[in-house]
PDB file of all heavy atoms in Angstrom:
ATOM      1  N   TYR A   1      91.604  69.513  28.310  1.00  0.00           N
ATOM      2  CA  TYR A   1      92.795  68.680  28.486  1.00  0.00           C
ATOM      3  C   TYR A   1      93.996  69.188  27.728  1.00  0.00           C
ATOM      4  O   TYR A   1      95.068  69.344  28.193  1.00  0.00           O
ATOM      5  CB  TYR A   1      92.438  67.224  28.200  1.00  0.00           C
ATOM      6  CG  TYR A   1      93.765  66.369  28.221  1.00  0.00           C
ATOM      7  CD1 TYR A   1      94.213  65.865  29.411  1.00  0.00           C
ATOM      8  CD2 TYR A   1      94.418  66.045  27.057  1.00  0.00           C
ATOM      9  CE1 TYR A   1      95.333  65.074  29.516  1.00  0.00           C
ATOM     10  CE2 TYR A   1      95.617  65.333  27.136  1.00  0.00           C
ATOM     11  CZ  TYR A   1      96.002  64.788  28.335  1.00  0.00           C
ATOM     12  OH  TYR A   1      97.154  64.003  28.414  1.00  0.00           O
ATOM     13  N   LEU A   2      93.741  69.465  26.422  1.00  0.00           N
ATOM     14  CA  LEU A   2      94.901  69.914  25.503  1.00  0.00           C
ATOM     15  C   LEU A   2      95.408  71.275  26.014  1.00  0.00           C
ATOM     16  O   LEU A   2      96.641  71.435  25.971  1.00  0.00           O
ATOM     17  CB  LEU A   2      94.387  70.008  24.100  1.00  0.00           C
ATOM     18  CG  LEU A   2      94.020  68.678  23.435  1.00  0.00           C
ATOM     19  CD1 LEU A   2      93.574  68.951  21.970  1.00  0.00           C
ATOM     20  CD2 LEU A   2      95.218  67.710  23.427  1.00  0.00           C
ATOM     21  N   ALA A   3      94.544  72.080  26.462  1.00  0.00           N
ATOM     22  CA  ALA A   3      94.963  73.415  27.032  1.00  0.00           C
ATOM     23  C   ALA A   3      95.816  73.358  28.249  1.00  0.00           C
ATOM     24  O   ALA A   3      96.724  74.214  28.505  1.00  0.00           O
ATOM     25  CB  ALA A   3      93.782  74.293  27.288  1.00  0.00           C
ATOM     26  N   ARG A   4      95.551  72.251  29.034  1.00  0.00           N
ATOM     27  CA  ARG A   4      96.317  72.180  30.309  1.00  0.00           C
ATOM     28  C   ARG A   4      97.521  71.147  30.236  1.00  0.00           C
ATOM     29  O   ARG A   4      98.084  70.836  31.321  1.00  0.00           O
ATOM     30  CB  ARG A   4      95.295  71.680  31.467  1.00  0.00           C
ATOM     31  CG  ARG A   4      94.279  72.643  31.727  1.00  0.00           C
ATOM     32  CD  ARG A   4      93.516  72.288  32.933  1.00  0.00           C
ATOM     33  NE  ARG A   4      92.788  71.035  32.739  1.00  0.00           N
ATOM     34  CZ  ARG A   4      91.530  71.029  32.288  1.00  0.00           C
ATOM     35  NH1 ARG A   4      90.917  72.205  31.966  1.00  0.00           N
ATOM     36  NH2 ARG A   4      90.947  69.875  32.137  1.00  0.00           N
ATOM     37  N   GLN A   5      97.857  70.686  29.038  1.00  0.00           N
ATOM     38  CA  GLN A   5      99.005  69.668  28.968  1.00  0.00           C
ATOM     39  C   GLN A   5     100.249  70.388  29.410  1.00  0.00           C
ATOM     40  O   GLN A   5     100.506  71.559  29.133  1.00  0.00           O
ATOM     41  CB  GLN A   5      99.181  69.285  27.549  1.00  0.00           C
ATOM     42  CG  GLN A   5      98.053  68.330  27.043  1.00  0.00           C
ATOM     43  CD  GLN A   5      98.428  67.826  25.632  1.00  0.00           C
ATOM     44  OE1 GLN A   5      98.729  66.616  25.478  1.00  0.00           O
ATOM     45  NE2 GLN A   5      98.375  68.630  24.677  1.00  0.00           N
ATOM     46  N   PRO A   6     101.128  69.565  30.102  1.00  0.00           N
ATOM     47  CA  PRO A   6     102.488  70.092  30.399  1.00  0.00           C
ATOM     48  C   PRO A   6     103.300  70.267  29.179  1.00  0.00           C
ATOM     49  O   PRO A   6     103.007  69.711  28.156  1.00  0.00           O
ATOM     50  CB  PRO A   6     103.076  69.035  31.337  1.00  0.00           C
ATOM     51  CG  PRO A   6     102.325  67.781  30.923  1.00  0.00           C
ATOM     52  CD  PRO A   6     100.964  68.195  30.598  1.00  0.00           C
ATOM     53  N   ALA A   7     104.305  71.121  29.230  1.00  0.00           N
ATOM     54  CA  ALA A   7     105.218  71.446  28.118  1.00  0.00           C
ATOM     55  C   ALA A   7     105.757  70.171  27.450  1.00  0.00           C
ATOM     56  O   ALA A   7     105.978  70.203  26.244  1.00  0.00           O
ATOM     57  CB  ALA A   7     106.271  72.380  28.473  1.00  0.00           C
ATOM     58  N   ASN A   8     106.084  69.172  28.234  1.00  0.00           N
ATOM     59  CA  ASN A   8     106.755  68.028  27.657  1.00  0.00           C
ATOM     60  C   ASN A   8     105.771  66.789  27.564  1.00  0.00           C
ATOM     61  O   ASN A   8     106.205  65.638  27.583  1.00  0.00           O
ATOM     62  CB  ASN A   8     107.874  67.567  28.596  1.00  0.00           C
ATOM     63  CG  ASN A   8     107.454  67.170  29.973  1.00  0.00           C
ATOM     64  OD1 ASN A   8     106.312  67.522  30.393  1.00  0.00           O
ATOM     65  ND2 ASN A   8     108.255  66.479  30.765  1.00  0.00           N
ATOM     66  N   TRP A   9     104.544  67.109  27.188  1.00  0.00           N
ATOM     67  CA  TRP A   9     103.477  66.017  27.117  1.00  0.00           C
ATOM     68  C   TRP A   9     103.854  64.924  26.140  1.00  0.00           C
ATOM     69  O   TRP A   9     103.589  63.751  26.362  1.00  0.00           O
ATOM     70  CB  TRP A   9     102.104  66.705  26.844  1.00  0.00           C
ATOM     71  CG  TRP A   9     102.087  67.313  25.492  1.00  0.00           C
ATOM     72  CD1 TRP A   9     102.316  68.623  25.219  1.00  0.00           C
ATOM     73  CD2 TRP A   9     101.852  66.676  24.225  1.00  0.00           C
ATOM     74  NE1 TRP A   9     102.293  68.936  23.863  1.00  0.00           N
ATOM     75  CE2 TRP A   9     101.952  67.682  23.214  1.00  0.00           C
ATOM     76  CE3 TRP A   9     101.508  65.399  23.768  1.00  0.00           C
ATOM     77  CZ2 TRP A   9     101.754  67.464  21.833  1.00  0.00           C
ATOM     78  CZ3 TRP A   9     101.316  65.149  22.440  1.00  0.00           C
ATOM     79  CH2 TRP A   9     101.427  66.149  21.509  1.00  0.00           C
ATOM     80  N   TYR A  10     104.528  65.353  25.106  1.00  0.00           N
ATOM     81  CA  TYR A  10     104.936  64.353  24.053  1.00  0.00           C
ATOM     82  C   TYR A  10     106.061  63.456  24.336  1.00  0.00           C
ATOM     83  O   TYR A  10     106.444  62.644  23.580  1.00  0.00           O
ATOM     84  CB  TYR A  10     105.130  65.108  22.680  1.00  0.00           C
ATOM     85  CG  TYR A  10     106.181  66.234  22.897  1.00  0.00           C
ATOM     86  CD1 TYR A  10     107.550  66.038  22.863  1.00  0.00           C
ATOM     87  CD2 TYR A  10     105.766  67.601  23.191  1.00  0.00           C
ATOM     88  CE1 TYR A  10     108.451  66.986  23.024  1.00  0.00           C
ATOM     89  CE2 TYR A  10     106.647  68.573  23.335  1.00  0.00           C
ATOM     90  CZ  TYR A  10     108.048  68.306  23.253  1.00  0.00           C
ATOM     91  OH  TYR A  10     108.941  69.334  23.433  1.00  0.00           O
ATOM     92  N   GLY A  11     106.659  63.676  25.572  1.00  0.00           N
ATOM     93  CA  GLY A  11     107.885  62.914  25.869  1.00  0.00           C
ATOM     94  C   GLY A  11     107.598  61.518  26.349  1.00  0.00           C
ATOM     95  O   GLY A  11     108.543  60.674  26.486  1.00  0.00           O
ATOM     96  N   SER A  12     106.304  61.134  26.559  1.00  0.00           N
ATOM     97  CA  SER A  12     105.999  59.762  26.978  1.00  0.00           C
ATOM     98  C   SER A  12     104.865  59.257  26.126  1.00  0.00           C
ATOM     99  O   SER A  12     104.013  60.065  25.613  1.00  0.00           O
ATOM    100  CB  SER A  12     105.591  59.708  28.482  1.00  0.00           C
ATOM    101  OG  SER A  12     104.345  60.420  28.613  1.00  0.00           O
ATOM    102  N   ARG A  13     104.746  57.950  26.113  1.00  0.00           N
ATOM    103  CA  ARG A  13     103.626  57.472  25.281  1.00  0.00           C
ATOM    104  C   ARG A  13     102.239  57.730  25.908  1.00  0.00           C
ATOM    105  O   ARG A  13     101.340  58.058  25.160  1.00  0.00           O
ATOM    106  CB  ARG A  13     103.827  55.816  25.140  1.00  0.00           C
ATOM    107  CG  ARG A  13     102.645  55.283  24.361  1.00  0.00           C
ATOM    108  CD  ARG A  13     102.922  53.898  23.770  1.00  0.00           C
ATOM    109  NE  ARG A  13     101.885  53.513  22.853  1.00  0.00           N
ATOM    110  CZ  ARG A  13     101.810  52.372  22.211  1.00  0.00           C
ATOM    111  NH1 ARG A  13     102.879  51.480  22.380  1.00  0.00           N
ATOM    112  NH2 ARG A  13     100.931  52.142  21.288  1.00  0.00           N
ATOM    113  N   PRO A  14     102.092  57.657  27.220  1.00  0.00           N
ATOM    114  CA  PRO A  14     100.774  58.004  27.761  1.00  0.00           C
ATOM    115  C   PRO A  14     100.365  59.441  27.493  1.00  0.00           C
ATOM    116  O   PRO A  14      99.215  59.669  27.177  1.00  0.00           O
ATOM    117  CB  PRO A  14     100.953  57.819  29.262  1.00  0.00           C
ATOM    118  CG  PRO A  14     102.080  56.752  29.400  1.00  0.00           C
ATOM    119  CD  PRO A  14     103.005  57.063  28.217  1.00  0.00           C
ATOM    120  N   GLY A  15     101.347  60.308  27.413  1.00  0.00           N
ATOM    121  CA  GLY A  15     101.014  61.778  27.101  1.00  0.00           C
ATOM    122  C   GLY A  15     100.572  61.879  25.654  1.00  0.00           C
ATOM    123  O   GLY A  15      99.558  62.577  25.442  1.00  0.00           O
ATOM    124  N   ARG A  16     101.229  61.180  24.742  1.00  0.00           N
ATOM    125  CA  ARG A  16     100.767  61.285  23.287  1.00  0.00           C
ATOM    126  C   ARG A  16      99.474  60.549  23.125  1.00  0.00           C
ATOM    127  O   ARG A  16      98.573  61.015  22.326  1.00  0.00           O
ATOM    128  CB  ARG A  16     101.874  60.622  22.438  1.00  0.00           C
ATOM    129  CG  ARG A  16     103.171  61.396  22.496  1.00  0.00           C
ATOM    130  CD  ARG A  16     104.126  60.908  21.411  1.00  0.00           C
ATOM    131  NE  ARG A  16     104.412  59.483  21.509  1.00  0.00           N
ATOM    132  CZ  ARG A  16     105.337  58.850  22.231  1.00  0.00           C
ATOM    133  NH1 ARG A  16     106.153  59.656  23.007  1.00  0.00           N
ATOM    134  NH2 ARG A  16     105.448  57.568  22.207  1.00  0.00           N
ATOM    135  N   GLU A  17      99.307  59.426  23.745  1.00  0.00           N
ATOM    136  CA  GLU A  17      98.105  58.582  23.469  1.00  0.00           C
ATOM    137  C   GLU A  17      96.805  59.427  24.004  1.00  0.00           C
ATOM    138  O   GLU A  17      95.766  59.435  23.433  1.00  0.00           O
ATOM    139  CB  GLU A  17      98.106  57.228  24.223  1.00  0.00           C
ATOM    140  CG  GLU A  17      99.099  56.298  23.599  1.00  0.00           C
ATOM    141  CD  GLU A  17      98.489  55.601  22.299  1.00  0.00           C
ATOM    142  OE1 GLU A  17      97.394  55.848  21.944  1.00  0.00           O
ATOM    143  OE2 GLU A  17      99.278  54.790  21.686  1.00  0.00           O
ATOM    144  N   LEU A  18      97.055  60.057  25.168  1.00  0.00           N
ATOM    145  CA  LEU A  18      95.956  60.783  25.722  1.00  0.00           C
ATOM    146  C   LEU A  18      95.614  62.042  24.953  1.00  0.00           C
ATOM    147  O   LEU A  18      94.447  62.442  24.839  1.00  0.00           O
ATOM    148  CB  LEU A  18      96.253  61.195  27.226  1.00  0.00           C
ATOM    149  CG  LEU A  18      96.331  60.039  28.235  1.00  0.00           C
ATOM    150  CD1 LEU A  18      96.506  60.602  29.669  1.00  0.00           C
ATOM    151  CD2 LEU A  18      95.017  59.184  28.168  1.00  0.00           C
ATOM    152  N   ALA A  19      96.603  62.652  24.331  1.00  0.00           N
ATOM    153  CA  ALA A  19      96.386  63.736  23.428  1.00  0.00           C
ATOM    154  C   ALA A  19      95.542  63.236  22.180  1.00  0.00           C
ATOM    155  O   ALA A  19      94.561  63.928  21.904  1.00  0.00           O
ATOM    156  CB  ALA A  19      97.661  64.340  22.967  1.00  0.00           C
ATOM    157  N   ALA A  20      95.843  62.083  21.689  1.00  0.00           N
ATOM    158  CA  ALA A  20      95.123  61.564  20.502  1.00  0.00           C
ATOM    159  C   ALA A  20      93.657  61.207  20.987  1.00  0.00           C
ATOM    160  O   ALA A  20      92.728  61.539  20.252  1.00  0.00           O
ATOM    161  CB  ALA A  20      95.741  60.273  20.013  1.00  0.00           C
ATOM    162  N   ILE A  21      93.511  60.672  22.221  1.00  0.00           N
ATOM    163  CA  ILE A  21      92.148  60.394  22.713  1.00  0.00           C
ATOM    164  C   ILE A  21      91.388  61.677  22.861  1.00  0.00           C
ATOM    165  O   ILE A  21      90.154  61.802  22.584  1.00  0.00           O
ATOM    166  CB  ILE A  21      92.303  59.648  24.049  1.00  0.00           C
ATOM    167  CG1 ILE A  21      92.687  58.168  23.757  1.00  0.00           C
ATOM    168  CG2 ILE A  21      90.971  59.679  24.813  1.00  0.00           C
ATOM    169  CD1 ILE A  21      93.077  57.356  24.985  1.00  0.00           C
ATOM    170  N   ALA A  22      92.021  62.752  23.354  1.00  0.00           N
ATOM    171  CA  ALA A  22      91.302  64.038  23.503  1.00  0.00           C
ATOM    172  C   ALA A  22      90.900  64.532  22.141  1.00  0.00           C
ATOM    173  O   ALA A  22      89.764  65.118  22.027  1.00  0.00           O
ATOM    174  CB  ALA A  22      92.310  65.084  24.153  1.00  0.00           C
ATOM    175  N   ILE A  23      91.689  64.343  21.154  1.00  0.00           N
ATOM    176  CA  ILE A  23      91.360  64.799  19.739  1.00  0.00           C
ATOM    177  C   ILE A  23      90.018  64.014  19.369  1.00  0.00           C
ATOM    178  O   ILE A  23      89.092  64.582  18.829  1.00  0.00           O
ATOM    179  CB  ILE A  23      92.383  64.448  18.729  1.00  0.00           C
ATOM    180  CG1 ILE A  23      93.699  65.417  19.029  1.00  0.00           C
ATOM    181  CG2 ILE A  23      91.967  64.583  17.327  1.00  0.00           C
ATOM    182  CD1 ILE A  23      93.387  66.827  18.697  1.00  0.00           C
ATOM    183  N   GLN A  24      90.014  62.662  19.677  1.00  0.00           N
ATOM    184  CA  GLN A  24      88.843  61.867  19.304  1.00  0.00           C
ATOM    185  C   GLN A  24      87.621  62.388  19.983  1.00  0.00           C
ATOM    186  O   GLN A  24      86.550  62.477  19.427  1.00  0.00           O
ATOM    187  CB  GLN A  24      89.135  60.334  19.715  1.00  0.00           C
ATOM    188  CG  GLN A  24      88.084  59.384  19.264  1.00  0.00           C
ATOM    189  CD  GLN A  24      86.934  59.226  20.240  1.00  0.00           C
ATOM    190  OE1 GLN A  24      87.018  59.662  21.458  1.00  0.00           O
ATOM    191  NE2 GLN A  24      85.900  58.518  19.822  1.00  0.00           N
ATOM    192  N   ARG A  25      87.681  62.760  21.262  1.00  0.00           N
ATOM    193  CA  ARG A  25      86.589  63.199  22.000  1.00  0.00           C
ATOM    194  C   ARG A  25      86.036  64.594  21.403  1.00  0.00           C
ATOM    195  O   ARG A  25      84.890  64.912  21.307  1.00  0.00           O
ATOM    196  CB  ARG A  25      86.827  63.429  23.476  1.00  0.00           C
ATOM    197  CG  ARG A  25      87.379  62.143  24.086  1.00  0.00           C
ATOM    198  CD  ARG A  25      86.402  60.965  23.955  1.00  0.00           C
ATOM    199  NE  ARG A  25      85.289  60.939  24.949  1.00  0.00           N
ATOM    200  CZ  ARG A  25      84.410  60.032  24.961  1.00  0.00           C
ATOM    201  NH1 ARG A  25      84.490  58.955  24.170  1.00  0.00           N
ATOM    202  NH2 ARG A  25      83.371  60.131  25.904  1.00  0.00           N
ATOM    203  N   ILE A  26      87.013  65.459  21.039  1.00  0.00           N
ATOM    204  CA  ILE A  26      86.653  66.720  20.362  1.00  0.00           C
ATOM    205  C   ILE A  26      85.867  66.476  19.056  1.00  0.00           C
ATOM    206  O   ILE A  26      84.911  67.178  18.776  1.00  0.00           O
ATOM    207  CB  ILE A  26      87.863  67.647  20.104  1.00  0.00           C
ATOM    208  CG1 ILE A  26      88.491  68.014  21.475  1.00  0.00           C
ATOM    209  CG2 ILE A  26      87.526  68.836  19.308  1.00  0.00           C
ATOM    210  CD1 ILE A  26      89.908  68.583  21.339  1.00  0.00           C
ATOM    211  N   ALA A  27      86.363  65.473  18.322  1.00  0.00           N
ATOM    212  CA  ALA A  27      85.777  65.181  17.043  1.00  0.00           C
ATOM    213  C   ALA A  27      84.373  64.725  17.120  1.00  0.00           C
ATOM    214  O   ALA A  27      83.467  64.924  16.176  1.00  0.00           O
ATOM    215  CB  ALA A  27      86.598  64.062  16.316  1.00  0.00           C
ATOM    216  N   ILE A  28      83.902  64.058  18.239  1.00  0.00           N
ATOM    217  CA  ILE A  28      82.544  63.690  18.363  1.00  0.00           C
ATOM    218  C   ILE A  28      81.646  64.900  18.248  1.00  0.00           C
ATOM    219  O   ILE A  28      80.529  64.783  17.623  1.00  0.00           O
ATOM    220  CB  ILE A  28      82.375  63.086  19.768  1.00  0.00           C
ATOM    221  CG1 ILE A  28      83.116  61.665  19.734  1.00  0.00           C
ATOM    222  CG2 ILE A  28      80.833  62.774  20.028  1.00  0.00           C
ATOM    223  CD1 ILE A  28      83.134  60.991  21.135  1.00  0.00           C
ATOM    224  N   ASN A  29      81.958  66.057  18.781  1.00  0.00           N
ATOM    225  CA  ASN A  29      81.179  67.242  18.624  1.00  0.00           C
ATOM    226  C   ASN A  29      81.506  68.039  17.453  1.00  0.00           C
ATOM    227  O   ASN A  29      80.571  68.640  16.819  1.00  0.00           O
ATOM    228  CB  ASN A  29      81.292  68.063  19.976  1.00  0.00           C
ATOM    229  CG  ASN A  29      80.770  67.337  21.142  1.00  0.00           C
ATOM    230  OD1 ASN A  29      79.739  66.754  21.093  1.00  0.00           O
ATOM    231  ND2 ASN A  29      81.530  67.410  22.263  1.00  0.00           N
ATOM    232  N   ASP A  30      82.747  68.251  17.085  1.00  0.00           N
ATOM    233  CA  ASP A  30      83.136  69.120  16.000  1.00  0.00           C
ATOM    234  C   ASP A  30      84.397  68.612  15.295  1.00  0.00           C
ATOM    235  O   ASP A  30      85.522  68.868  15.722  1.00  0.00           O
ATOM    236  CB  ASP A  30      83.383  70.539  16.504  1.00  0.00           C
ATOM    237  CG  ASP A  30      83.413  71.553  15.385  1.00  0.00           C
ATOM    238  OD1 ASP A  30      83.838  71.172  14.306  1.00  0.00           O
ATOM    239  OD2 ASP A  30      82.995  72.708  15.649  1.00  0.00           O
ATOM    240  N   PRO A  31      84.223  67.785  14.252  1.00  0.00           N
ATOM    241  CA  PRO A  31      85.488  67.248  13.566  1.00  0.00           C
ATOM    242  C   PRO A  31      86.366  68.331  12.995  1.00  0.00           C
ATOM    243  O   PRO A  31      87.586  68.114  12.900  1.00  0.00           O
ATOM    244  CB  PRO A  31      84.862  66.413  12.450  1.00  0.00           C
ATOM    245  CG  PRO A  31      83.500  66.047  12.943  1.00  0.00           C
ATOM    246  CD  PRO A  31      83.054  67.163  13.755  1.00  0.00           C
TER     247      PRO A  31
END
C-alpha cells in the first residue's frame, strides 16, 4: 500500500490515516 500511494496521499485525512494503519499492519510482522 505504501509503495503504491499517490504523490499527494498526505493531502487528505483518509490518506494519512490509511498510511498510519499500513504502518500498524507492517509492525505486526516487523516493528
